[in-house]
């Protein structure tokens, strides 16, 4: 994480005001990055997910889940998750938690 956390959190707050959830994916296990990414996801009502850098399919599924959300909203994301499962399920569960808090 090279950026200053105060700038990152300020940008996340702006996204939250606009109603834009952030979806963050982390390769590796850096605890500082995990803390920051998780907080950005919480602030925006989005989701954070770690992925294994050796699994192209896992990253493909995560990005496909976000594409489903971008194309059709929350219901499209949930439908995609029901069909795909796996990493998309973890992303959707986190997103649901953030989404429900913002209601």
PDB file of N, CA and C in Angstrom:
ATOM      1  N   UNK A   1       0.850  -1.172   0.000  1.00  0.00           N
ATOM      2  CA  UNK A   1       0.000   0.000   0.000  1.00  0.00           C
ATOM      3  C   UNK A   1       0.891   1.228   0.000  1.00  0.00           C
ATOM      4  N   UNK A   2       0.958   1.905  -1.096  1.00  0.00           N
ATOM      5  CA  UNK A   2       1.812   3.073  -1.180  1.00  0.00           C
ATOM      6  C   UNK A   2       1.065   4.374  -0.910  1.00  0.00           C
ATOM      7  N   UNK A   3      -0.236   4.366  -1.078  1.00  0.00           N
ATOM      8  CA  UNK A   3      -1.026   5.572  -0.905  1.00  0.00           C
ATOM      9  C   UNK A   3      -1.240   5.854   0.590  1.00  0.00           C
ATOM     10  N   UNK A   4      -1.499   7.089   0.894  1.00  0.00           N
ATOM     11  CA  UNK A   4      -1.778   7.479   2.277  1.00  0.00           C
ATOM     12  C   UNK A   4      -3.205   7.065   2.631  1.00  0.00           C
ATOM     13  N   UNK A   5      -3.340   6.469   3.800  1.00  0.00           N
ATOM     14  CA  UNK A   5      -4.660   5.954   4.180  1.00  0.00           C
ATOM     15  C   UNK A   5      -5.699   7.054   4.301  1.00  0.00           C
ATOM     16  N   UNK A   6      -5.322   8.241   4.755  1.00  0.00           N
ATOM     17  CA  UNK A   6      -6.318   9.307   4.888  1.00  0.00           C
ATOM     18  C   UNK A   6      -6.906   9.685   3.526  1.00  0.00           C
ATOM     19  N   UNK A   7      -6.099   9.639   2.478  1.00  0.00           N
ATOM     20  CA  UNK A   7      -6.602   9.926   1.127  1.00  0.00           C
ATOM     21  C   UNK A   7      -7.518   8.805   0.634  1.00  0.00           C
ATOM     22  N   UNK A   8      -7.129   7.590   0.931  1.00  0.00           N
ATOM     23  CA  UNK A   8      -7.939   6.441   0.516  1.00  0.00           C
ATOM     24  C   UNK A   8      -9.298   6.479   1.205  1.00  0.00           C
ATOM     25  N   UNK A   9      -9.298   6.717   2.513  1.00  0.00           N
ATOM     26  CA  UNK A   9     -10.553   6.742   3.255  1.00  0.00           C
ATOM     27  C   UNK A   9     -11.421   7.937   2.859  1.00  0.00           C
ATOM     28  N   UNK A  10     -10.800   9.053   2.527  1.00  0.00           N
ATOM     29  CA  UNK A  10     -11.563  10.218   2.046  1.00  0.00           C
ATOM     30  C   UNK A  10     -12.243   9.891   0.720  1.00  0.00           C
ATOM     31  N   UNK A  11     -11.522   9.233  -0.181  1.00  0.00           N
ATOM     32  CA  UNK A  11     -12.112   8.842  -1.464  1.00  0.00           C
ATOM     33  C   UNK A  11     -13.235   7.825  -1.249  1.00  0.00           C
ATOM     34  N   UNK A  12     -13.036   6.907  -0.313  1.00  0.00           N
ATOM     35  CA  UNK A  12     -14.075   5.916  -0.006  1.00  0.00           C
ATOM     36  C   UNK A  12     -15.316   6.609   0.540  1.00  0.00           C
ATOM     37  N   UNK A  13     -15.139   7.614   1.356  1.00  0.00           N
ATOM     38  CA  UNK A  13     -16.277   8.363   1.897  1.00  0.00           C
ATOM     39  C   UNK A  13     -17.045   9.065   0.777  1.00  0.00           C
ATOM     40  N   UNK A  14     -16.320   9.613  -0.184  1.00  0.00           N
ATOM     41  CA  UNK A  14     -16.976  10.252  -1.334  1.00  0.00           C
ATOM     42  C   UNK A  14     -17.770   9.234  -2.147  1.00  0.00           C
ATOM     43  N   UNK A  15     -17.198   8.059  -2.345  1.00  0.00           N
ATOM     44  CA  UNK A  15     -17.923   6.996  -3.057  1.00  0.00           C
ATOM     45  C   UNK A  15     -19.195   6.614  -2.301  1.00  0.00           C
ATOM     46  N   UNK A  16     -19.083   6.536  -0.983  1.00  0.00           N
ATOM     47  CA  UNK A  16     -20.232   6.185  -0.155  1.00  0.00           C
ATOM     48  C   UNK A  16     -21.360   7.202  -0.304  1.00  0.00           C
ATOM     49  N   UNK A  17     -21.013   8.467  -0.293  1.00  0.00           N
ATOM     50  CA  UNK A  17     -22.007   9.534  -0.458  1.00  0.00           C
ATOM     51  C   UNK A  17     -22.714   9.398  -1.804  1.00  0.00           C
ATOM     52  N   UNK A  18     -21.964   8.993  -2.813  1.00  0.00           N
ATOM     53  CA  UNK A  18     -22.532   8.819  -4.149  1.00  0.00           C
ATOM     54  C   UNK A  18     -23.272   7.492  -4.311  1.00  0.00           C
ATOM     55  N   UNK A  19     -23.185   6.632  -3.294  1.00  0.00           N
ATOM     56  CA  UNK A  19     -23.850   5.331  -3.361  1.00  0.00           C
ATOM     57  C   UNK A  19     -23.120   4.326  -4.232  1.00  0.00           C
ATOM     58  N   UNK A  20     -21.806   4.487  -4.354  1.00  0.00           N
ATOM     59  CA  UNK A  20     -21.004   3.601  -5.192  1.00  0.00           C
ATOM     60  C   UNK A  20     -20.228   2.627  -4.306  1.00  0.00           C
ATOM     61  N   UNK A  21     -20.561   1.342  -4.360  1.00  0.00           N
ATOM     62  CA  UNK A  21     -19.808   0.369  -3.569  1.00  0.00           C
ATOM     63  C   UNK A  21     -18.466   0.055  -4.233  1.00  0.00           C
ATOM     64  N   UNK A  22     -17.443  -0.116  -3.424  1.00  0.00           N
ATOM     65  CA  UNK A  22     -16.126  -0.502  -3.935  1.00  0.00           C
ATOM     66  C   UNK A  22     -15.933  -1.997  -3.732  1.00  0.00           C
ATOM     67  N   UNK A  23     -15.454  -2.658  -4.767  1.00  0.00           N
ATOM     68  CA  UNK A  23     -15.121  -4.078  -4.700  1.00  0.00           C
ATOM     69  C   UNK A  23     -13.610  -4.170  -4.808  1.00  0.00           C
ATOM     70  N   UNK A  24     -12.983  -4.698  -3.765  1.00  0.00           N
ATOM     71  CA  UNK A  24     -11.530  -4.740  -3.709  1.00  0.00           C
ATOM     72  C   UNK A  24     -11.058  -6.181  -3.638  1.00  0.00           C
ATOM     73  N   UNK A  25     -10.011  -6.484  -4.411  1.00  0.00           N
ATOM     74  CA  UNK A  25      -9.446  -7.821  -4.445  1.00  0.00           C
ATOM     75  C   UNK A  25      -7.981  -7.739  -4.067  1.00  0.00           C
ATOM     76  N   UNK A  26      -7.564  -8.611  -3.166  1.00  0.00           N
ATOM     77  CA  UNK A  26      -6.192  -8.579  -2.682  1.00  0.00           C
ATOM     78  C   UNK A  26      -5.498  -9.898  -2.980  1.00  0.00           C
ATOM     79  N   UNK A  27      -4.394  -9.786  -3.679  1.00  0.00           N
ATOM     80  CA  UNK A  27      -3.527 -10.939  -3.888  1.00  0.00           C
ATOM     81  C   UNK A  27      -2.447 -10.880  -2.818  1.00  0.00           C
ATOM     82  N   UNK A  28      -2.267 -11.958  -2.114  1.00  0.00           N
ATOM     83  CA  UNK A  28      -1.262 -11.998  -1.058  1.00  0.00           C
ATOM     84  C   UNK A  28      -1.891 -11.754   0.296  1.00  0.00           C
ATOM     85  N   UNK A  29      -1.068 -11.729   1.318  1.00  0.00           N
ATOM     86  CA  UNK A  29      -1.581 -11.650   2.674  1.00  0.00           C
ATOM     87  C   UNK A  29      -1.092 -10.466   3.476  1.00  0.00           C
ATOM     88  N   UNK A  30      -0.759  -9.367   2.840  1.00  0.00           N
ATOM     89  CA  UNK A  30      -0.274  -8.203   3.559  1.00  0.00           C
ATOM     90  C   UNK A  30      -1.351  -7.700   4.527  1.00  0.00           C
ATOM     91  N   UNK A  31      -1.078  -7.756   5.847  1.00  0.00           N
ATOM     92  CA  UNK A  31      -2.100  -7.371   6.824  1.00  0.00           C
ATOM     93  C   UNK A  31      -2.511  -5.896   6.754  1.00  0.00           C
ATOM     94  N   UNK A  32      -1.583  -5.012   6.416  1.00  0.00           N
ATOM     95  CA  UNK A  32      -1.929  -3.586   6.307  1.00  0.00           C
ATOM     96  C   UNK A  32      -2.878  -3.371   5.134  1.00  0.00           C
ATOM     97  N   UNK A  33      -2.597  -4.003   4.015  1.00  0.00           N
ATOM     98  CA  UNK A  33      -3.485  -3.879   2.854  1.00  0.00           C
ATOM     99  C   UNK A  33      -4.850  -4.477   3.175  1.00  0.00           C
ATOM    100  N   UNK A  34      -4.868  -5.597   3.859  1.00  0.00           N
ATOM    101  CA  UNK A  34      -6.142  -6.229   4.229  1.00  0.00           C
ATOM    102  C   UNK A  34      -6.985  -5.284   5.080  1.00  0.00           C
ATOM    103  N   UNK A  35      -6.355  -4.652   6.055  1.00  0.00           N
ATOM    104  CA  UNK A  35      -7.071  -3.721   6.937  1.00  0.00           C
ATOM    105  C   UNK A  35      -7.649  -2.550   6.138  1.00  0.00           C
ATOM    106  N   UNK A  36      -6.851  -1.988   5.261  1.00  0.00           N
ATOM    107  CA  UNK A  36      -7.295  -0.836   4.472  1.00  0.00           C
ATOM    108  C   UNK A  36      -8.377  -1.235   3.483  1.00  0.00           C
ATOM    109  N   UNK A  37      -8.169  -2.329   2.760  1.00  0.00           N
ATOM    110  CA  UNK A  37      -9.167  -2.776   1.780  1.00  0.00           C
ATOM    111  C   UNK A  37     -10.491  -3.111   2.467  1.00  0.00           C
ATOM    112  N   UNK A  38     -10.413  -3.789   3.605  1.00  0.00           N
ATOM    113  CA  UNK A  38     -11.630  -4.131   4.350  1.00  0.00           C
ATOM    114  C   UNK A  38     -12.382  -2.882   4.787  1.00  0.00           C
ATOM    115  N   UNK A  39     -11.644  -1.896   5.239  1.00  0.00           N
ATOM    116  CA  UNK A  39     -12.276  -0.651   5.690  1.00  0.00           C
ATOM    117  C   UNK A  39     -12.924   0.104   4.528  1.00  0.00           C
ATOM    118  N   UNK A  40     -12.265   0.144   3.388  1.00  0.00           N
ATOM    119  CA  UNK A  40     -12.847   0.793   2.215  1.00  0.00           C
ATOM    120  C   UNK A  40     -14.145   0.085   1.822  1.00  0.00           C
ATOM    121  N   UNK A  41     -14.123  -1.235   1.841  1.00  0.00           N
ATOM    122  CA  UNK A  41     -15.333  -1.997   1.519  1.00  0.00           C
ATOM    123  C   UNK A  41     -16.457  -1.649   2.495  1.00  0.00           C
ATOM    124  N   UNK A  42     -16.143  -1.577   3.770  1.00  0.00           N
ATOM    125  CA  UNK A  42     -17.162  -1.234   4.776  1.00  0.00           C
ATOM    126  C   UNK A  42     -17.693   0.181   4.568  1.00  0.00           C
ATOM    127  N   UNK A  43     -16.779   1.121   4.339  1.00  0.00           N
ATOM    128  CA  UNK A  43     -17.192   2.515   4.168  1.00  0.00           C
ATOM    129  C   UNK A  43     -18.125   2.705   2.974  1.00  0.00           C
ATOM    130  N   UNK A  44     -17.891   1.943   1.914  1.00  0.00           N
ATOM    131  CA  UNK A  44     -18.674   2.136   0.695  1.00  0.00           C
ATOM    132  C   UNK A  44     -19.857   1.178   0.572  1.00  0.00           C
ATOM    133  N   UNK A  45     -19.941   0.210   1.476  1.00  0.00           N
ATOM    134  CA  UNK A  45     -20.991  -0.795   1.355  1.00  0.00           C
ATOM    135  C   UNK A  45     -20.676  -1.825   0.288  1.00  0.00           C
ATOM    136  N   UNK A  46     -19.409  -1.956  -0.041  1.00  0.00           N
ATOM    137  CA  UNK A  46     -18.969  -2.918  -1.044  1.00  0.00           C
ATOM    138  C   UNK A  46     -18.454  -4.195  -0.413  1.00  0.00           C
ATOM    139  N   UNK A  47     -17.388  -4.740  -0.976  1.00  0.00           N
ATOM    140  CA  UNK A  47     -16.840  -5.990  -0.464  1.00  0.00           C
ATOM    141  C   UNK A  47     -15.355  -6.085  -0.773  1.00  0.00           C
ATOM    142  N   UNK A  48     -14.665  -6.800   0.088  1.00  0.00           N
ATOM    143  CA  UNK A  48     -13.236  -7.093  -0.075  1.00  0.00           C
ATOM    144  C   UNK A  48     -13.074  -8.602  -0.100  1.00  0.00           C
ATOM    145  N   UNK A  49     -12.204  -9.080  -0.953  1.00  0.00           N
ATOM    146  CA  UNK A  49     -11.958 -10.510  -1.060  1.00  0.00           C
ATOM    147  C   UNK A  49     -10.485 -10.756  -1.355  1.00  0.00           C
ATOM    148  N   UNK A  50      -9.912 -11.704  -0.640  1.00  0.00           N
ATOM    149  CA  UNK A  50      -8.558 -12.134  -0.967  1.00  0.00           C
ATOM    150  C   UNK A  50      -8.667 -13.221  -2.026  1.00  0.00           C
ATOM    151  N   UNK A  51      -7.661 -13.304  -2.866  1.00  0.00           N
ATOM    152  CA  UNK A  51      -7.628 -14.395  -3.839  1.00  0.00           C
ATOM    153  C   UNK A  51      -6.215 -14.927  -3.955  1.00  0.00           C
ATOM    154  N   UNK A  52      -6.137 -16.152  -4.377  1.00  0.00           N
ATOM    155  CA  UNK A  52      -4.868 -16.828  -4.555  1.00  0.00           C
ATOM    156  C   UNK A  52      -4.321 -16.461  -5.930  1.00  0.00           C
ATOM    157  N   UNK A  53      -3.168 -15.850  -5.966  1.00  0.00           N
ATOM    158  CA  UNK A  53      -2.592 -15.386  -7.226  1.00  0.00           C
ATOM    159  C   UNK A  53      -2.361 -16.489  -8.241  1.00  0.00           C
ATOM    160  N   UNK A  54      -2.368 -17.730  -7.804  1.00  0.00           N
ATOM    161  CA  UNK A  54      -2.163 -18.825  -8.747  1.00  0.00           C
ATOM    162  C   UNK A  54      -3.480 -19.314  -9.356  1.00  0.00           C
ATOM    163  N   UNK A  55      -4.600 -18.756  -8.900  1.00  0.00           N
ATOM    164  CA  UNK A  55      -5.899 -19.216  -9.385  1.00  0.00           C
ATOM    165  C   UNK A  55      -6.541 -18.189 -10.317  1.00  0.00           C
ATOM    166  N   UNK A  56      -6.326 -18.355 -11.581  1.00  0.00           N
ATOM    167  CA  UNK A  56      -6.915 -17.471 -12.576  1.00  0.00           C
ATOM    168  C   UNK A  56      -8.440 -17.587 -12.542  1.00  0.00           C
ATOM    169  N   UNK A  57      -8.946 -18.794 -12.335  1.00  0.00           N
ATOM    170  CA  UNK A  57     -10.395 -19.005 -12.307  1.00  0.00           C
ATOM    171  C   UNK A  57     -11.041 -18.257 -11.148  1.00  0.00           C
ATOM    172  N   UNK A  58     -10.410 -18.241 -10.002  1.00  0.00           N
ATOM    173  CA  UNK A  58     -10.959 -17.534  -8.846  1.00  0.00           C
ATOM    174  C   UNK A  58     -11.081 -16.040  -9.135  1.00  0.00           C
ATOM    175  N   UNK A  59     -10.053 -15.439  -9.691  1.00  0.00           N
ATOM    176  CA  UNK A  59     -10.108 -14.022 -10.035  1.00  0.00           C
ATOM    177  C   UNK A  59     -11.151 -13.778 -11.124  1.00  0.00           C
ATOM    178  N   UNK A  60     -11.227 -14.658 -12.099  1.00  0.00           N
ATOM    179  CA  UNK A  60     -12.232 -14.537 -13.158  1.00  0.00           C
ATOM    180  C   UNK A  60     -13.639 -14.534 -12.557  1.00  0.00           C
ATOM    181  N   UNK A  61     -13.886 -15.427 -11.607  1.00  0.00           N
ATOM    182  CA  UNK A  61     -15.202 -15.496 -10.970  1.00  0.00           C
ATOM    183  C   UNK A  61     -15.524 -14.220 -10.188  1.00  0.00           C
ATOM    184  N   UNK A  62     -14.529 -13.693  -9.472  1.00  0.00           N
ATOM    185  CA  UNK A  62     -14.742 -12.462  -8.714  1.00  0.00           C
ATOM    186  C   UNK A  62     -15.052 -11.290  -9.647  1.00  0.00           C
ATOM    187  N   UNK A  63     -14.284 -11.165 -10.707  1.00  0.00           N
ATOM    188  CA  UNK A  63     -14.517 -10.068 -11.656  1.00  0.00           C
ATOM    189  C   UNK A  63     -15.843 -10.244 -12.392  1.00  0.00           C
ATOM    190  N   UNK A  64     -16.213 -11.482 -12.684  1.00  0.00           N
ATOM    191  CA  UNK A  64     -17.508 -11.741 -13.323  1.00  0.00           C
ATOM    192  C   UNK A  64     -18.654 -11.368 -12.401  1.00  0.00           C
ATOM    193  N   UNK A  65     -18.487 -11.600 -11.107  1.00  0.00           N
ATOM    194  CA  UNK A  65     -19.526 -11.230 -10.141  1.00  0.00           C
ATOM    195  C   UNK A  65     -19.713  -9.719 -10.114  1.00  0.00           C
ATOM    196  N   UNK A  66     -18.617  -8.979 -10.130  1.00  0.00           N
ATOM    197  CA  UNK A  66     -18.708  -7.514 -10.146  1.00  0.00           C
ATOM    198  C   UNK A  66     -19.332  -7.041 -11.455  1.00  0.00           C
ATOM    199  N   UNK A  67     -18.996  -7.686 -12.560  1.00  0.00           N
ATOM    200  CA  UNK A  67     -19.597  -7.332 -13.853  1.00  0.00           C
ATOM    201  C   UNK A  67     -21.101  -7.584 -13.828  1.00  0.00           C
ATOM    202  N   UNK A  68     -21.525  -8.672 -13.199  1.00  0.00           N
ATOM    203  CA  UNK A  68     -22.956  -8.957 -13.071  1.00  0.00           C
ATOM    204  C   UNK A  68     -23.642  -7.849 -12.280  1.00  0.00           C
ATOM    205  N   UNK A  69     -23.000  -7.394 -11.211  1.00  0.00           N
ATOM    206  CA  UNK A  69     -23.565  -6.300 -10.410  1.00  0.00           C
ATOM    207  C   UNK A  69     -23.642  -5.010 -11.247  1.00  0.00           C
ATOM    208  N   UNK A  70     -22.566  -4.704 -11.958  1.00  0.00           N
ATOM    209  CA  UNK A  70     -22.534  -3.476 -12.763  1.00  0.00           C
ATOM    210  C   UNK A  70     -23.612  -3.501 -13.843  1.00  0.00           C
ATOM    211  N   UNK A  71     -23.878  -4.664 -14.394  1.00  0.00           N
ATOM    212  CA  UNK A  71     -24.855  -4.772 -15.473  1.00  0.00           C
ATOM    213  C   UNK A  71     -26.293  -4.818 -14.978  1.00  0.00           C
ATOM    214  N   UNK A  72     -26.514  -5.420 -13.802  1.00  0.00           N
ATOM    215  CA  UNK A  72     -27.903  -5.627 -13.390  1.00  0.00           C
ATOM    216  C   UNK A  72     -28.212  -5.388 -11.928  1.00  0.00           C
ATOM    217  N   UNK A  73     -27.270  -4.844 -11.178  1.00  0.00           N
ATOM    218  CA  UNK A  73     -27.537  -4.522  -9.788  1.00  0.00           C
ATOM    219  C   UNK A  73     -27.467  -5.712  -8.850  1.00  0.00           C
ATOM    220  N   UNK A  74     -28.012  -5.484  -7.669  1.00  0.00           N
ATOM    221  CA  UNK A  74     -27.927  -6.469  -6.589  1.00  0.00           C
ATOM    222  C   UNK A  74     -28.558  -7.809  -6.975  1.00  0.00           C
ATOM    223  N   UNK A  75     -29.705  -7.792  -7.630  1.00  0.00           N
ATOM    224  CA  UNK A  75     -30.367  -9.057  -7.974  1.00  0.00           C
ATOM    225  C   UNK A  75     -29.543  -9.845  -8.996  1.00  0.00           C
ATOM    226  N   UNK A  76     -28.901  -9.171  -9.937  1.00  0.00           N
ATOM    227  CA  UNK A  76     -28.052  -9.858 -10.910  1.00  0.00           C
ATOM    228  C   UNK A  76     -26.843 -10.490 -10.223  1.00  0.00           C
ATOM    229  N   UNK A  77     -26.282  -9.785  -9.241  1.00  0.00           N
ATOM    230  CA  UNK A  77     -25.164 -10.330  -8.480  1.00  0.00           C
ATOM    231  C   UNK A  77     -25.599 -11.588  -7.727  1.00  0.00           C
ATOM    232  N   UNK A  78     -26.755 -11.529  -7.088  1.00  0.00           N
ATOM    233  CA  UNK A  78     -27.237 -12.695  -6.336  1.00  0.00           C
ATOM    234  C   UNK A  78     -27.540 -13.866  -7.268  1.00  0.00           C
ATOM    235  N   UNK A  79     -28.116 -13.601  -8.438  1.00  0.00           N
ATOM    236  CA  UNK A  79     -28.380 -14.666  -9.412  1.00  0.00           C
ATOM    237  C   UNK A  79     -27.076 -15.299  -9.897  1.00  0.00           C
ATOM    238  N   UNK A  80     -26.083 -14.477 -10.174  1.00  0.00           N
ATOM    239  CA  UNK A  80     -24.788 -14.986 -10.605  1.00  0.00           C
ATOM    240  C   UNK A  80     -24.186 -15.887  -9.534  1.00  0.00           C
ATOM    241  N   UNK A  81     -24.279 -15.444  -8.295  1.00  0.00           N
ATOM    242  CA  UNK A  81     -23.712 -16.207  -7.184  1.00  0.00           C
ATOM    243  C   UNK A  81     -24.406 -17.550  -7.023  1.00  0.00           C
ATOM    244  N   UNK A  82     -25.713 -17.578  -7.188  1.00  0.00           N
ATOM    245  CA  UNK A  82     -26.445 -18.839  -7.091  1.00  0.00           C
ATOM    246  C   UNK A  82     -25.974 -19.828  -8.157  1.00  0.00           C
ATOM    247  N   UNK A  83     -25.678 -19.327  -9.337  1.00  0.00           N
ATOM    248  CA  UNK A  83     -25.224 -20.200 -10.431  1.00  0.00           C
ATOM    249  C   UNK A  83     -23.776 -20.625 -10.254  1.00  0.00           C
ATOM    250  N   UNK A  84     -22.908 -19.705  -9.814  1.00  0.00           N
ATOM    251  CA  UNK A  84     -21.471 -19.934  -9.793  1.00  0.00           C
ATOM    252  C   UNK A  84     -20.946 -20.466  -8.466  1.00  0.00           C
ATOM    253  N   UNK A  85     -21.418 -19.882  -7.341  1.00  0.00           N
ATOM    254  CA  UNK A  85     -20.891 -20.275  -6.032  1.00  0.00           C
ATOM    255  C   UNK A  85     -19.446 -19.835  -5.869  1.00  0.00           C
ATOM    256  N   UNK A  86     -18.671 -20.597  -5.137  1.00  0.00           N
ATOM    257  CA  UNK A  86     -17.241 -20.355  -4.959  1.00  0.00           C
ATOM    258  C   UNK A  86     -16.907 -18.981  -4.411  1.00  0.00           C
ATOM    259  N   UNK A  87     -15.899 -18.368  -4.994  1.00  0.00           N
ATOM    260  CA  UNK A  87     -15.409 -17.060  -4.545  1.00  0.00           C
ATOM    261  C   UNK A  87     -16.488 -15.994  -4.676  1.00  0.00           C
ATOM    262  N   UNK A  88     -17.354 -16.136  -5.666  1.00  0.00           N
ATOM    263  CA  UNK A  88     -18.430 -15.160  -5.849  1.00  0.00           C
ATOM    264  C   UNK A  88     -19.359 -15.150  -4.633  1.00  0.00           C
ATOM    265  N   UNK A  89     -19.539 -16.289  -4.007  1.00  0.00           N
ATOM    266  CA  UNK A  89     -20.402 -16.369  -2.821  1.00  0.00           C
ATOM    267  C   UNK A  89     -19.837 -15.527  -1.676  1.00  0.00           C
ATOM    268  N   UNK A  90     -18.529 -15.625  -1.455  1.00  0.00           N
ATOM    269  CA  UNK A  90     -17.898 -14.837  -0.388  1.00  0.00           C
ATOM    270  C   UNK A  90     -18.069 -13.347  -0.666  1.00  0.00           C
ATOM    271  N   UNK A  91     -17.862 -12.953  -1.894  1.00  0.00           N
ATOM    272  CA  UNK A  91     -18.008 -11.545  -2.279  1.00  0.00           C
ATOM    273  C   UNK A  91     -19.442 -11.073  -2.049  1.00  0.00           C
ATOM    274  N   UNK A  92     -20.400 -11.874  -2.463  1.00  0.00           N
ATOM    275  CA  UNK A  92     -21.813 -11.506  -2.332  1.00  0.00           C
ATOM    276  C   UNK A  92     -22.233 -11.413  -0.874  1.00  0.00           C
ATOM    277  N   UNK A  93     -21.738 -12.308  -0.036  1.00  0.00           N
ATOM    278  CA  UNK A  93     -22.079 -12.251   1.388  1.00  0.00           C
ATOM    279  C   UNK A  93     -21.572 -10.967   2.016  1.00  0.00           C
ATOM    280  N   UNK A  94     -20.350 -10.582   1.696  1.00  0.00           N
ATOM    281  CA  UNK A  94     -19.812  -9.325   2.227  1.00  0.00           C
ATOM    282  C   UNK A  94     -20.599  -8.139   1.698  1.00  0.00           C
ATOM    283  N   UNK A  95     -20.931  -8.173   0.422  1.00  0.00           N
ATOM    284  CA  UNK A  95     -21.678  -7.083  -0.184  1.00  0.00           C
ATOM    285  C   UNK A  95     -23.047  -6.955   0.465  1.00  0.00           C
ATOM    286  N   UNK A  96     -23.708  -8.072   0.707  1.00  0.00           N
ATOM    287  CA  UNK A  96     -25.018  -8.049   1.374  1.00  0.00           C
ATOM    288  C   UNK A  96     -24.913  -7.362   2.730  1.00  0.00           C
ATOM    289  N   UNK A  97     -23.882  -7.686   3.487  1.00  0.00           N
ATOM    290  CA  UNK A  97     -23.717  -7.085   4.805  1.00  0.00           C
ATOM    291  C   UNK A  97     -23.572  -5.564   4.688  1.00  0.00           C
ATOM    292  N   UNK A  98     -22.742  -5.113   3.762  1.00  0.00           N
ATOM    293  CA  UNK A  98     -22.554  -3.681   3.550  1.00  0.00           C
ATOM    294  C   UNK A  98     -23.805  -3.017   3.020  1.00  0.00           C
ATOM    295  N   UNK A  99     -24.486  -3.681   2.103  1.00  0.00           N
ATOM    296  CA  UNK A  99     -25.701  -3.144   1.501  1.00  0.00           C
ATOM    297  C   UNK A  99     -26.800  -3.001   2.556  1.00  0.00           C
ATOM    298  N   UNK A 100     -26.965  -4.010   3.386  1.00  0.00           N
ATOM    299  CA  UNK A 100     -28.000  -3.973   4.411  1.00  0.00           C
ATOM    300  C   UNK A 100     -27.736  -2.875   5.442  1.00  0.00           C
ATOM    301  N   UNK A 101     -26.465  -2.596   5.747  1.00  0.00           N
ATOM    302  CA  UNK A 101     -26.139  -1.535   6.695  1.00  0.00           C
ATOM    303  C   UNK A 101     -26.504  -0.171   6.154  1.00  0.00           C
ATOM    304  N   UNK A 102     -26.447   0.000   4.833  1.00  0.00           N
ATOM    305  CA  UNK A 102     -26.676   1.309   4.237  1.00  0.00           C
ATOM    306  C   UNK A 102     -28.159   1.624   4.078  1.00  0.00           C
ATOM    307  N   UNK A 103     -29.048   0.638   4.254  1.00  0.00           N
ATOM    308  CA  UNK A 103     -30.474   0.878   4.093  1.00  0.00           C
ATOM    309  C   UNK A 103     -31.018   1.753   5.179  1.00  0.00           C
TER     310      UNK A 103
END
